[in-house]
């Protein structure tokens, strides 16, 4: 599976630096108009839990080649390792789909 960096998915380098470092949460708030997760299922065995989910979101601002309004989605699998209750390790794999560009804005229909 190919791992995408913020620059590889088309974010401007200035936004990528924010995402890769301390301001991840705030950068996400600025980047996305909304996002949602739909949990498909959980599988638990011993001290491990695996969750399959679907993620979707819409860009609030232009990000590289993608204009604001672009809809993004991914299939996600998260592996959680527990130790006496609390989660001690998370590993997540995401497979992003081709972004859906917003409809072109033009003149109002007749």
PDB file of N, CA and C in Angstrom:
ATOM      1  N   UNK A   1       0.846  -1.167   0.000  1.00  0.00           N
ATOM      2  CA  UNK A   1       0.000   0.000   0.000  1.00  0.00           C
ATOM      3  C   UNK A   1       0.895   1.236   0.000  1.00  0.00           C
ATOM      4  N   UNK A   2       0.585   2.190  -0.859  1.00  0.00           N
ATOM      5  CA  UNK A   2       1.356   3.424  -0.943  1.00  0.00           C
ATOM      6  C   UNK A   2       0.877   4.391   0.112  1.00  0.00           C
ATOM      7  N   UNK A   3       1.811   4.958   0.850  1.00  0.00           N
ATOM      8  CA  UNK A   3       1.456   5.961   1.843  1.00  0.00           C
ATOM      9  C   UNK A   3       1.631   7.329   1.205  1.00  0.00           C
ATOM     10  N   UNK A   4       0.603   8.162   1.323  1.00  0.00           N
ATOM     11  CA  UNK A   4       0.648   9.485   0.728  1.00  0.00           C
ATOM     12  C   UNK A   4       1.019  10.522   1.764  1.00  0.00           C
ATOM     13  N   UNK A   5       1.933  11.379   1.415  1.00  0.00           N
ATOM     14  CA  UNK A   5       2.278  12.498   2.286  1.00  0.00           C
ATOM     15  C   UNK A   5       1.371  13.660   1.930  1.00  0.00           C
ATOM     16  N   UNK A   6       1.278  14.676   2.786  1.00  0.00           N
ATOM     17  CA  UNK A   6       0.458  15.840   2.445  1.00  0.00           C
ATOM     18  C   UNK A   6       0.864  16.482   1.116  1.00  0.00           C
ATOM     19  N   UNK A   7       2.153  16.528   0.803  1.00  0.00           N
ATOM     20  CA  UNK A   7       2.589  17.109  -0.467  1.00  0.00           C
ATOM     21  C   UNK A   7       2.186  16.199  -1.620  1.00  0.00           C
ATOM     22  N   UNK A   8       2.305  14.875  -1.448  1.00  0.00           N
ATOM     23  CA  UNK A   8       1.969  13.937  -2.514  1.00  0.00           C
ATOM     24  C   UNK A   8       0.504  14.012  -2.908  1.00  0.00           C
ATOM     25  N   UNK A   9      -0.380  14.343  -1.986  1.00  0.00           N
ATOM     26  CA  UNK A   9      -1.800  14.430  -2.333  1.00  0.00           C
ATOM     27  C   UNK A   9      -2.182  15.806  -2.852  1.00  0.00           C
ATOM     28  N   UNK A  10      -1.200  16.713  -2.976  1.00  0.00           N
ATOM     29  CA  UNK A  10      -1.452  17.974  -3.624  1.00  0.00           C
ATOM     30  C   UNK A  10      -1.590  19.176  -2.722  1.00  0.00           C
ATOM     31  N   UNK A  11      -1.359  19.020  -1.418  1.00  0.00           N
ATOM     32  CA  UNK A  11      -1.424  20.185  -0.543  1.00  0.00           C
ATOM     33  C   UNK A  11      -0.241  21.099  -0.808  1.00  0.00           C
ATOM     34  N   UNK A  12      -0.461  22.400  -0.731  1.00  0.00           N
ATOM     35  CA  UNK A  12       0.684  23.311  -0.847  1.00  0.00           C
ATOM     36  C   UNK A  12       1.686  23.007   0.260  1.00  0.00           C
ATOM     37  N   UNK A  13       2.956  23.229  -0.005  1.00  0.00           N
ATOM     38  CA  UNK A  13       3.984  22.925   0.993  1.00  0.00           C
ATOM     39  C   UNK A  13       3.733  23.644   2.306  1.00  0.00           C
ATOM     40  N   UNK A  14       3.209  24.863   2.252  1.00  0.00           N
ATOM     41  CA  UNK A  14       2.943  25.596   3.493  1.00  0.00           C
ATOM     42  C   UNK A  14       1.905  24.875   4.343  1.00  0.00           C
ATOM     43  N   UNK A  15       0.866  24.319   3.730  1.00  0.00           N
ATOM     44  CA  UNK A  15      -0.153  23.572   4.473  1.00  0.00           C
ATOM     45  C   UNK A  15       0.415  22.224   4.917  1.00  0.00           C
ATOM     46  N   UNK A  16       1.233  21.592   4.076  1.00  0.00           N
ATOM     47  CA  UNK A  16       1.808  20.292   4.423  1.00  0.00           C
ATOM     48  C   UNK A  16       2.665  20.390   5.671  1.00  0.00           C
ATOM     49  N   UNK A  17       3.431  21.471   5.800  1.00  0.00           N
ATOM     50  CA  UNK A  17       4.275  21.651   6.988  1.00  0.00           C
ATOM     51  C   UNK A  17       3.399  21.715   8.229  1.00  0.00           C
ATOM     52  N   UNK A  18       2.283  22.423   8.140  1.00  0.00           N
ATOM     53  CA  UNK A  18       1.370  22.511   9.284  1.00  0.00           C
ATOM     54  C   UNK A  18       0.815  21.133   9.621  1.00  0.00           C
ATOM     55  N   UNK A  19       0.390  20.393   8.612  1.00  0.00           N
ATOM     56  CA  UNK A  19      -0.220  19.086   8.845  1.00  0.00           C
ATOM     57  C   UNK A  19       0.780  18.114   9.453  1.00  0.00           C
ATOM     58  N   UNK A  20       2.025  18.154   8.996  1.00  0.00           N
ATOM     59  CA  UNK A  20       3.017  17.189   9.451  1.00  0.00           C
ATOM     60  C   UNK A  20       3.572  17.501  10.833  1.00  0.00           C
ATOM     61  N   UNK A  21       3.302  18.669  11.367  1.00  0.00           N
ATOM     62  CA  UNK A  21       3.887  19.029  12.646  1.00  0.00           C
ATOM     63  C   UNK A  21       2.820  19.367  13.675  1.00  0.00           C
ATOM     64  N   UNK A  22       3.050  20.373  14.460  1.00  0.00           N
ATOM     65  CA  UNK A  22       2.235  20.658  15.631  1.00  0.00           C
ATOM     66  C   UNK A  22       0.795  21.045  15.355  1.00  0.00           C
ATOM     67  N   UNK A  23       0.499  21.672  14.251  1.00  0.00           N
ATOM     68  CA  UNK A  23      -0.833  22.220  14.042  1.00  0.00           C
ATOM     69  C   UNK A  23      -1.786  21.298  13.310  1.00  0.00           C
ATOM     70  N   UNK A  24      -1.646  19.992  13.454  1.00  0.00           N
ATOM     71  CA  UNK A  24      -2.466  19.066  12.683  1.00  0.00           C
ATOM     72  C   UNK A  24      -3.968  19.289  12.883  1.00  0.00           C
ATOM     73  N   UNK A  25      -4.400  19.419  14.105  1.00  0.00           N
ATOM     74  CA  UNK A  25      -5.818  19.571  14.372  1.00  0.00           C
ATOM     75  C   UNK A  25      -6.361  20.865  13.787  1.00  0.00           C
ATOM     76  N   UNK A  26      -5.673  21.964  14.020  1.00  0.00           N
ATOM     77  CA  UNK A  26      -6.137  23.253  13.504  1.00  0.00           C
ATOM     78  C   UNK A  26      -6.081  23.288  11.980  1.00  0.00           C
ATOM     79  N   UNK A  27      -5.043  22.703  11.394  1.00  0.00           N
ATOM     80  CA  UNK A  27      -4.945  22.660   9.934  1.00  0.00           C
ATOM     81  C   UNK A  27      -6.110  21.874   9.355  1.00  0.00           C
ATOM     82  N   UNK A  28      -6.477  20.779  10.009  1.00  0.00           N
ATOM     83  CA  UNK A  28      -7.618  19.986   9.560  1.00  0.00           C
ATOM     84  C   UNK A  28      -8.905  20.773   9.625  1.00  0.00           C
ATOM     85  N   UNK A  29      -9.066  21.547  10.683  1.00  0.00           N
ATOM     86  CA  UNK A  29     -10.268  22.375  10.822  1.00  0.00           C
ATOM     87  C   UNK A  29     -10.337  23.411   9.706  1.00  0.00           C
ATOM     88  N   UNK A  30      -9.203  23.956   9.324  1.00  0.00           N
ATOM     89  CA  UNK A  30      -9.176  24.956   8.263  1.00  0.00           C
ATOM     90  C   UNK A  30      -9.310  24.327   6.883  1.00  0.00           C
ATOM     91  N   UNK A  31      -8.795  23.130   6.715  1.00  0.00           N
ATOM     92  CA  UNK A  31      -8.774  22.471   5.414  1.00  0.00           C
ATOM     93  C   UNK A  31     -10.134  21.901   5.022  1.00  0.00           C
ATOM     94  N   UNK A  32     -10.871  21.352   5.986  1.00  0.00           N
ATOM     95  CA  UNK A  32     -12.124  20.663   5.673  1.00  0.00           C
ATOM     96  C   UNK A  32     -13.342  21.456   6.128  1.00  0.00           C
ATOM     97  N   UNK A  33     -14.348  21.530   5.252  1.00  0.00           N
ATOM     98  CA  UNK A  33     -15.618  22.146   5.622  1.00  0.00           C
ATOM     99  C   UNK A  33     -16.367  21.214   6.569  1.00  0.00           C
ATOM    100  N   UNK A  34     -16.235  19.924   6.338  1.00  0.00           N
ATOM    101  CA  UNK A  34     -16.848  18.910   7.197  1.00  0.00           C
ATOM    102  C   UNK A  34     -16.153  17.583   6.918  1.00  0.00           C
ATOM    103  N   UNK A  35     -16.307  16.649   7.849  1.00  0.00           N
ATOM    104  CA  UNK A  35     -15.844  15.281   7.646  1.00  0.00           C
ATOM    105  C   UNK A  35     -16.706  14.358   8.485  1.00  0.00           C
ATOM    106  N   UNK A  36     -16.779  13.104   8.072  1.00  0.00           N
ATOM    107  CA  UNK A  36     -17.540  12.124   8.845  1.00  0.00           C
ATOM    108  C   UNK A  36     -16.912  10.744   8.683  1.00  0.00           C
ATOM    109  N   UNK A  37     -17.140   9.920   9.685  1.00  0.00           N
ATOM    110  CA  UNK A  37     -16.702   8.528   9.678  1.00  0.00           C
ATOM    111  C   UNK A  37     -17.930   7.648   9.850  1.00  0.00           C
ATOM    112  N   UNK A  38     -18.001   6.581   9.078  1.00  0.00           N
ATOM    113  CA  UNK A  38     -19.067   5.596   9.231  1.00  0.00           C
ATOM    114  C   UNK A  38     -18.398   4.263   9.566  1.00  0.00           C
ATOM    115  N   UNK A  39     -18.570   3.816  10.797  1.00  0.00           N
ATOM    116  CA  UNK A  39     -17.967   2.552  11.218  1.00  0.00           C
ATOM    117  C   UNK A  39     -18.733   1.413  10.564  1.00  0.00           C
ATOM    118  N   UNK A  40     -18.015   0.526   9.892  1.00  0.00           N
ATOM    119  CA  UNK A  40     -18.627  -0.642   9.243  1.00  0.00           C
ATOM    120  C   UNK A  40     -18.693  -1.812  10.206  1.00  0.00           C
ATOM    121  N   UNK A  41     -17.577  -2.078  10.906  1.00  0.00           N
ATOM    122  CA  UNK A  41     -17.582  -3.168  11.883  1.00  0.00           C
ATOM    123  C   UNK A  41     -16.315  -3.136  12.720  1.00  0.00           C
ATOM    124  N   UNK A  42     -16.342  -3.889  13.811  1.00  0.00           N
ATOM    125  CA  UNK A  42     -15.195  -4.070  14.703  1.00  0.00           C
ATOM    126  C   UNK A  42     -14.962  -5.571  14.848  1.00  0.00           C
ATOM    127  N   UNK A  43     -13.705  -5.959  14.943  1.00  0.00           N
ATOM    128  CA  UNK A  43     -13.340  -7.340  15.254  1.00  0.00           C
ATOM    129  C   UNK A  43     -12.347  -7.267  16.404  1.00  0.00           C
ATOM    130  N   UNK A  44     -12.626  -8.011  17.481  1.00  0.00           N
ATOM    131  CA  UNK A  44     -11.751  -7.995  18.657  1.00  0.00           C
ATOM    132  C   UNK A  44     -11.241  -9.397  18.938  1.00  0.00           C
ATOM    133  N   UNK A  45      -9.972  -9.457  19.322  1.00  0.00           N
ATOM    134  CA  UNK A  45      -9.360 -10.720  19.706  1.00  0.00           C
ATOM    135  C   UNK A  45      -8.229 -10.410  20.680  1.00  0.00           C
ATOM    136  N   UNK A  46      -8.357 -10.904  21.899  1.00  0.00           N
ATOM    137  CA  UNK A  46      -7.318 -10.650  22.906  1.00  0.00           C
ATOM    138  C   UNK A  46      -7.173  -9.171  23.174  1.00  0.00           C
ATOM    139  N   UNK A  47      -5.955  -8.654  22.975  1.00  0.00           N
ATOM    140  CA  UNK A  47      -5.701  -7.235  23.234  1.00  0.00           C
ATOM    141  C   UNK A  47      -5.710  -6.401  21.948  1.00  0.00           C
ATOM    142  N   UNK A  48      -6.315  -6.932  20.890  1.00  0.00           N
ATOM    143  CA  UNK A  48      -6.361  -6.208  19.614  1.00  0.00           C
ATOM    144  C   UNK A  48      -7.801  -5.988  19.168  1.00  0.00           C
ATOM    145  N   UNK A  49      -8.046  -4.811  18.577  1.00  0.00           N
ATOM    146  CA  UNK A  49      -9.341  -4.491  17.973  1.00  0.00           C
ATOM    147  C   UNK A  49      -9.050  -3.907  16.598  1.00  0.00           C
ATOM    148  N   UNK A  50      -9.790  -4.374  15.601  1.00  0.00           N
ATOM    149  CA  UNK A  50      -9.666  -3.856  14.246  1.00  0.00           C
ATOM    150  C   UNK A  50     -11.010  -3.244  13.873  1.00  0.00           C
ATOM    151  N   UNK A  51     -10.966  -2.029  13.352  1.00  0.00           N
ATOM    152  CA  UNK A  51     -12.178  -1.322  12.953  1.00  0.00           C
ATOM    153  C   UNK A  51     -12.093  -0.973  11.479  1.00  0.00           C
ATOM    154  N   UNK A  52     -13.153  -1.303  10.743  1.00  0.00           N
ATOM    155  CA  UNK A  52     -13.268  -0.884   9.343  1.00  0.00           C
ATOM    156  C   UNK A  52     -14.224   0.293   9.297  1.00  0.00           C
ATOM    157  N   UNK A  53     -13.839   1.325   8.550  1.00  0.00           N
ATOM    158  CA  UNK A  53     -14.710   2.497   8.465  1.00  0.00           C
ATOM    159  C   UNK A  53     -14.557   3.185   7.119  1.00  0.00           C
ATOM    160  N   UNK A  54     -15.534   4.011   6.837  1.00  0.00           N
ATOM    161  CA  UNK A  54     -15.546   4.827   5.631  1.00  0.00           C
ATOM    162  C   UNK A  54     -15.434   6.275   6.070  1.00  0.00           C
ATOM    163  N   UNK A  55     -14.498   7.014   5.467  1.00  0.00           N
ATOM    164  CA  UNK A  55     -14.313   8.422   5.789  1.00  0.00           C
ATOM    165  C   UNK A  55     -14.696   9.254   4.574  1.00  0.00           C
ATOM    166  N   UNK A  56     -15.273  10.415   4.823  1.00  0.00           N
ATOM    167  CA  UNK A  56     -15.572  11.355   3.755  1.00  0.00           C
ATOM    168  C   UNK A  56     -15.436  12.772   4.270  1.00  0.00           C
ATOM    169  N   UNK A  57     -15.100  13.685   3.395  1.00  0.00           N
ATOM    170  CA  UNK A  57     -14.989  15.083   3.776  1.00  0.00           C
ATOM    171  C   UNK A  57     -14.988  15.975   2.552  1.00  0.00           C
ATOM    172  N   UNK A  58     -15.219  17.262   2.792  1.00  0.00           N
ATOM    173  CA  UNK A  58     -15.248  18.248   1.713  1.00  0.00           C
ATOM    174  C   UNK A  58     -14.245  19.353   2.018  1.00  0.00           C
ATOM    175  N   UNK A  59     -13.429  19.704   1.029  1.00  0.00           N
ATOM    176  CA  UNK A  59     -12.443  20.768   1.217  1.00  0.00           C
ATOM    177  C   UNK A  59     -13.129  22.108   1.415  1.00  0.00           C
ATOM    178  N   UNK A  60     -12.697  22.846   2.421  1.00  0.00           N
ATOM    179  CA  UNK A  60     -13.218  24.190   2.684  1.00  0.00           C
ATOM    180  C   UNK A  60     -12.426  25.237   1.903  1.00  0.00           C
ATOM    181  N   UNK A  61     -11.201  24.915   1.562  1.00  0.00           N
ATOM    182  CA  UNK A  61     -10.313  25.842   0.858  1.00  0.00           C
ATOM    183  C   UNK A  61      -9.645  25.095  -0.293  1.00  0.00           C
ATOM    184  N   UNK A  62      -9.110  25.848  -1.233  1.00  0.00           N
ATOM    185  CA  UNK A  62      -8.329  25.231  -2.306  1.00  0.00           C
ATOM    186  C   UNK A  62      -7.121  24.532  -1.698  1.00  0.00           C
ATOM    187  N   UNK A  63      -6.792  23.351  -2.209  1.00  0.00           N
ATOM    188  CA  UNK A  63      -5.642  22.581  -1.719  1.00  0.00           C
ATOM    189  C   UNK A  63      -4.912  22.007  -2.933  1.00  0.00           C
ATOM    190  N   UNK A  64      -3.857  22.687  -3.348  1.00  0.00           N
ATOM    191  CA  UNK A  64      -3.131  22.245  -4.529  1.00  0.00           C
ATOM    192  C   UNK A  64      -4.026  22.322  -5.747  1.00  0.00           C
ATOM    193  N   UNK A  65      -4.140  21.208  -6.479  1.00  0.00           N
ATOM    194  CA  UNK A  65      -4.956  21.167  -7.696  1.00  0.00           C
ATOM    195  C   UNK A  65      -6.448  21.050  -7.411  1.00  0.00           C
ATOM    196  N   UNK A  66      -6.819  20.848  -6.160  1.00  0.00           N
ATOM    197  CA  UNK A  66      -8.222  20.620  -5.832  1.00  0.00           C
ATOM    198  C   UNK A  66      -8.860  21.878  -5.258  1.00  0.00           C
ATOM    199  N   UNK A  67      -9.947  22.335  -5.877  1.00  0.00           N
ATOM    200  CA  UNK A  67     -10.602  23.548  -5.383  1.00  0.00           C
ATOM    201  C   UNK A  67     -11.465  23.261  -4.158  1.00  0.00           C
ATOM    202  N   UNK A  68     -11.780  24.326  -3.435  1.00  0.00           N
ATOM    203  CA  UNK A  68     -12.735  24.204  -2.332  1.00  0.00           C
ATOM    204  C   UNK A  68     -14.009  23.569  -2.873  1.00  0.00           C
ATOM    205  N   UNK A  69     -14.637  22.725  -2.064  1.00  0.00           N
ATOM    206  CA  UNK A  69     -15.835  22.015  -2.503  1.00  0.00           C
ATOM    207  C   UNK A  69     -15.564  20.616  -3.012  1.00  0.00           C
ATOM    208  N   UNK A  70     -14.272  20.278  -3.226  1.00  0.00           N
ATOM    209  CA  UNK A  70     -13.919  18.925  -3.663  1.00  0.00           C
ATOM    210  C   UNK A  70     -14.282  17.942  -2.559  1.00  0.00           C
ATOM    211  N   UNK A  71     -14.925  16.842  -2.940  1.00  0.00           N
ATOM    212  CA  UNK A  71     -15.325  15.821  -1.976  1.00  0.00           C
ATOM    213  C   UNK A  71     -14.296  14.715  -2.007  1.00  0.00           C
ATOM    214  N   UNK A  72     -13.816  14.317  -0.825  1.00  0.00           N
ATOM    215  CA  UNK A  72     -12.797  13.277  -0.712  1.00  0.00           C
ATOM    216  C   UNK A  72     -13.366  12.121   0.108  1.00  0.00           C
ATOM    217  N   UNK A  73     -12.897  10.902  -0.177  1.00  0.00           N
ATOM    218  CA  UNK A  73     -13.365   9.746   0.584  1.00  0.00           C
ATOM    219  C   UNK A  73     -12.270   8.692   0.650  1.00  0.00           C
ATOM    220  N   UNK A  74     -12.372   7.836   1.660  1.00  0.00           N
ATOM    221  CA  UNK A  74     -11.381   6.774   1.838  1.00  0.00           C
ATOM    222  C   UNK A  74     -12.015   5.613   2.594  1.00  0.00           C
ATOM    223  N   UNK A  75     -11.514   4.436   2.318  1.00  0.00           N
ATOM    224  CA  UNK A  75     -11.821   3.250   3.118  1.00  0.00           C
ATOM    225  C   UNK A  75     -10.680   3.132   4.121  1.00  0.00           C
ATOM    226  N   UNK A  76     -10.998   2.935   5.389  1.00  0.00           N
ATOM    227  CA  UNK A  76      -9.986   2.940   6.443  1.00  0.00           C
ATOM    228  C   UNK A  76     -10.069   1.662   7.274  1.00  0.00           C
ATOM    229  N   UNK A  77      -8.914   1.185   7.698  1.00  0.00           N
ATOM    230  CA  UNK A  77      -8.829   0.075   8.640  1.00  0.00           C
ATOM    231  C   UNK A  77      -7.885   0.518   9.750  1.00  0.00           C
ATOM    232  N   UNK A  78      -8.363   0.488  10.987  1.00  0.00           N
ATOM    233  CA  UNK A  78      -7.549   0.886  12.138  1.00  0.00           C
ATOM    234  C   UNK A  78      -7.316  -0.331  13.028  1.00  0.00           C
ATOM    235  N   UNK A  79      -6.068  -0.507  13.436  1.00  0.00           N
ATOM    236  CA  UNK A  79      -5.681  -1.589  14.344  1.00  0.00           C
ATOM    237  C   UNK A  79      -5.332  -0.947  15.686  1.00  0.00           C
ATOM    238  N   UNK A  80      -6.052  -1.336  16.713  1.00  0.00           N
ATOM    239  CA  UNK A  80      -5.816  -0.794  18.058  1.00  0.00           C
ATOM    240  C   UNK A  80      -5.225  -1.888  18.937  1.00  0.00           C
ATOM    241  N   UNK A  81      -4.175  -1.562  19.674  1.00  0.00           N
ATOM    242  CA  UNK A  81      -3.583  -2.485  20.646  1.00  0.00           C
ATOM    243  C   UNK A  81      -3.899  -1.935  22.028  1.00  0.00           C
ATOM    244  N   UNK A  82      -4.461  -2.780  22.893  1.00  0.00           N
ATOM    245  CA  UNK A  82      -4.850  -2.398  24.246  1.00  0.00           C
ATOM    246  C   UNK A  82      -3.874  -2.970  25.257  1.00  0.00           C
ATOM    247  N   UNK A  83      -3.769  -2.306  26.403  1.00  0.00           N
ATOM    248  CA  UNK A  83      -2.962  -2.808  27.515  1.00  0.00           C
ATOM    249  C   UNK A  83      -3.730  -2.517  28.796  1.00  0.00           C
ATOM    250  N   UNK A  84      -4.359  -3.546  29.342  1.00  0.00           N
ATOM    251  CA  UNK A  84      -5.140  -3.407  30.576  1.00  0.00           C
ATOM    252  C   UNK A  84      -6.202  -2.312  30.451  1.00  0.00           C
ATOM    253  N   UNK A  85      -6.819  -2.217  29.264  1.00  0.00           N
ATOM    254  CA  UNK A  85      -7.898  -1.250  29.057  1.00  0.00           C
ATOM    255  C   UNK A  85      -7.576  -0.153  28.066  1.00  0.00           C
ATOM    256  N   UNK A  86      -6.622   0.739  28.364  1.00  0.00           N
ATOM    257  CA  UNK A  86      -6.351   1.856  27.456  1.00  0.00           C
ATOM    258  C   UNK A  86      -5.705   1.414  26.136  1.00  0.00           C
ATOM    259  N   UNK A  87      -5.925   2.208  25.101  1.00  0.00           N
ATOM    260  CA  UNK A  87      -5.265   1.986  23.817  1.00  0.00           C
ATOM    261  C   UNK A  87      -3.821   2.461  23.941  1.00  0.00           C
ATOM    262  N   UNK A  88      -2.878   1.593  23.579  1.00  0.00           N
ATOM    263  CA  UNK A  88      -1.462   1.951  23.673  1.00  0.00           C
ATOM    264  C   UNK A  88      -0.802   2.095  22.300  1.00  0.00           C
ATOM    265  N   UNK A  89      -1.502   1.637  21.248  1.00  0.00           N
ATOM    266  CA  UNK A  89      -0.930   1.758  19.904  1.00  0.00           C
ATOM    267  C   UNK A  89      -2.070   1.775  18.892  1.00  0.00           C
ATOM    268  N   UNK A  90      -1.931   2.650  17.899  1.00  0.00           N
ATOM    269  CA  UNK A  90      -2.898   2.714  16.800  1.00  0.00           C
ATOM    270  C   UNK A  90      -2.114   2.679  15.496  1.00  0.00           C
ATOM    271  N   UNK A  91      -2.555   1.827  14.599  1.00  0.00           N
ATOM    272  CA  UNK A  91      -1.987   1.771  13.251  1.00  0.00           C
ATOM    273  C   UNK A  91      -3.167   1.856  12.297  1.00  0.00           C
ATOM    274  N   UNK A  92      -3.118   2.797  11.358  1.00  0.00           N
ATOM    275  CA  UNK A  92      -4.252   2.979  10.455  1.00  0.00           C
ATOM    276  C   UNK A  92      -3.785   2.939   9.014  1.00  0.00           C
ATOM    277  N   UNK A  93      -4.592   2.301   8.188  1.00  0.00           N
ATOM    278  CA  UNK A  93      -4.321   2.207   6.754  1.00  0.00           C
ATOM    279  C   UNK A  93      -5.526   2.787   6.030  1.00  0.00           C
ATOM    280  N   UNK A  94      -5.277   3.727   5.127  1.00  0.00           N
ATOM    281  CA  UNK A  94      -6.341   4.391   4.390  1.00  0.00           C
ATOM    282  C   UNK A  94      -6.134   4.194   2.896  1.00  0.00           C
ATOM    283  N   UNK A  95      -7.217   3.938   2.187  1.00  0.00           N
ATOM    284  CA  UNK A  95      -7.175   3.855   0.722  1.00  0.00           C
ATOM    285  C   UNK A  95      -8.100   4.936   0.187  1.00  0.00           C
ATOM    286  N   UNK A  96      -7.486   5.999  -0.308  1.00  0.00           N
ATOM    287  CA  UNK A  96      -8.248   7.135  -0.804  1.00  0.00           C
ATOM    288  C   UNK A  96      -8.764   6.872  -2.204  1.00  0.00           C
ATOM    289  N   UNK A  97      -9.973   7.325  -2.462  1.00  0.00           N
ATOM    290  CA  UNK A  97     -10.551   7.242  -3.787  1.00  0.00           C
ATOM    291  C   UNK A  97     -10.271   8.538  -4.538  1.00  0.00           C
ATOM    292  N   UNK A  98     -10.501   8.513  -5.828  1.00  0.00           N
ATOM    293  CA  UNK A  98     -10.307   9.714  -6.643  1.00  0.00           C
ATOM    294  C   UNK A  98     -11.225  10.816  -6.127  1.00  0.00           C
ATOM    295  N   UNK A  99     -10.684  12.003  -5.839  1.00  0.00           N
ATOM    296  CA  UNK A  99     -11.537  13.097  -5.371  1.00  0.00           C
ATOM    297  C   UNK A  99     -12.588  13.481  -6.411  1.00  0.00           C
ATOM    298  N   UNK A 100     -13.744  13.934  -5.944  1.00  0.00           N
ATOM    299  CA  UNK A 100     -14.820  14.404  -6.813  1.00  0.00           C
ATOM    300  C   UNK A 100     -14.816  15.921  -6.810  1.00  0.00           C
ATOM    301  N   UNK A 101     -14.526  16.500  -7.953  1.00  0.00           N
ATOM    302  CA  UNK A 101     -14.473  17.949  -8.059  1.00  0.00           C
ATOM    303  C   UNK A 101     -15.882  18.536  -7.975  1.00  0.00           C
ATOM    304  N   UNK A 102     -15.999  19.756  -7.462  1.00  0.00           N
ATOM    305  CA  UNK A 102     -17.309  20.379  -7.397  1.00  0.00           C
ATOM    306  C   UNK A 102     -17.796  20.724  -8.794  1.00  0.00           C
ATOM    307  N   UNK A 103     -19.107  20.863  -8.922  1.00  0.00           N
ATOM    308  CA  UNK A 103     -19.677  21.277 -10.202  1.00  0.00           C
ATOM    309  C   UNK A 103     -19.174  22.684 -10.539  1.00  0.00           C
ATOM    310  N   UNK A 104     -18.866  22.938 -11.803  1.00  0.00           N
ATOM    311  CA  UNK A 104     -18.407  24.282 -12.169  1.00  0.00           C
ATOM    312  C   UNK A 104     -19.492  25.316 -11.882  1.00  0.00           C
ATOM    313  N   UNK A 105     -19.055  26.438 -11.391  1.00  0.00           N
ATOM    314  CA  UNK A 105     -20.008  27.524 -11.142  1.00  0.00           C
ATOM    315  C   UNK A 105     -20.061  28.401 -12.385  1.00  0.00           C
ATOM    316  N   UNK A 106     -21.241  28.626 -12.835  1.00  0.00           N
ATOM    317  CA  UNK A 106     -21.411  29.482 -14.020  1.00  0.00           C
ATOM    318  C   UNK A 106     -22.627  30.350 -13.819  1.00  0.00           C
ATOM    319  N   UNK A 107     -23.157  30.756 -14.909  1.00  0.00           N
ATOM    320  CA  UNK A 107     -24.353  31.584 -14.799  1.00  0.00           C
ATOM    321  C   UNK A 107     -25.528  30.721 -14.378  1.00  0.00           C
ATOM    322  N   UNK A 108     -26.518  31.358 -13.807  1.00  0.00           N
ATOM    323  CA  UNK A 108     -27.723  30.649 -13.374  1.00  0.00           C
ATOM    324  C   UNK A 108     -28.429  30.076 -14.594  1.00  0.00           C
ATOM    325  N   UNK A 109     -29.058  28.908 -14.422  1.00  0.00           N
ATOM    326  CA  UNK A 109     -29.786  28.322 -15.559  1.00  0.00           C
ATOM    327  C   UNK A 109     -30.968  29.216 -15.929  1.00  0.00           C
ATOM    328  N   UNK A 110     -31.356  29.180 -17.204  1.00  0.00           N
ATOM    329  CA  UNK A 110     -32.474  30.045 -17.647  1.00  0.00           C
ATOM    330  C   UNK A 110     -33.775  29.715 -16.975  1.00  0.00           C
TER     331      UNK A 110
END
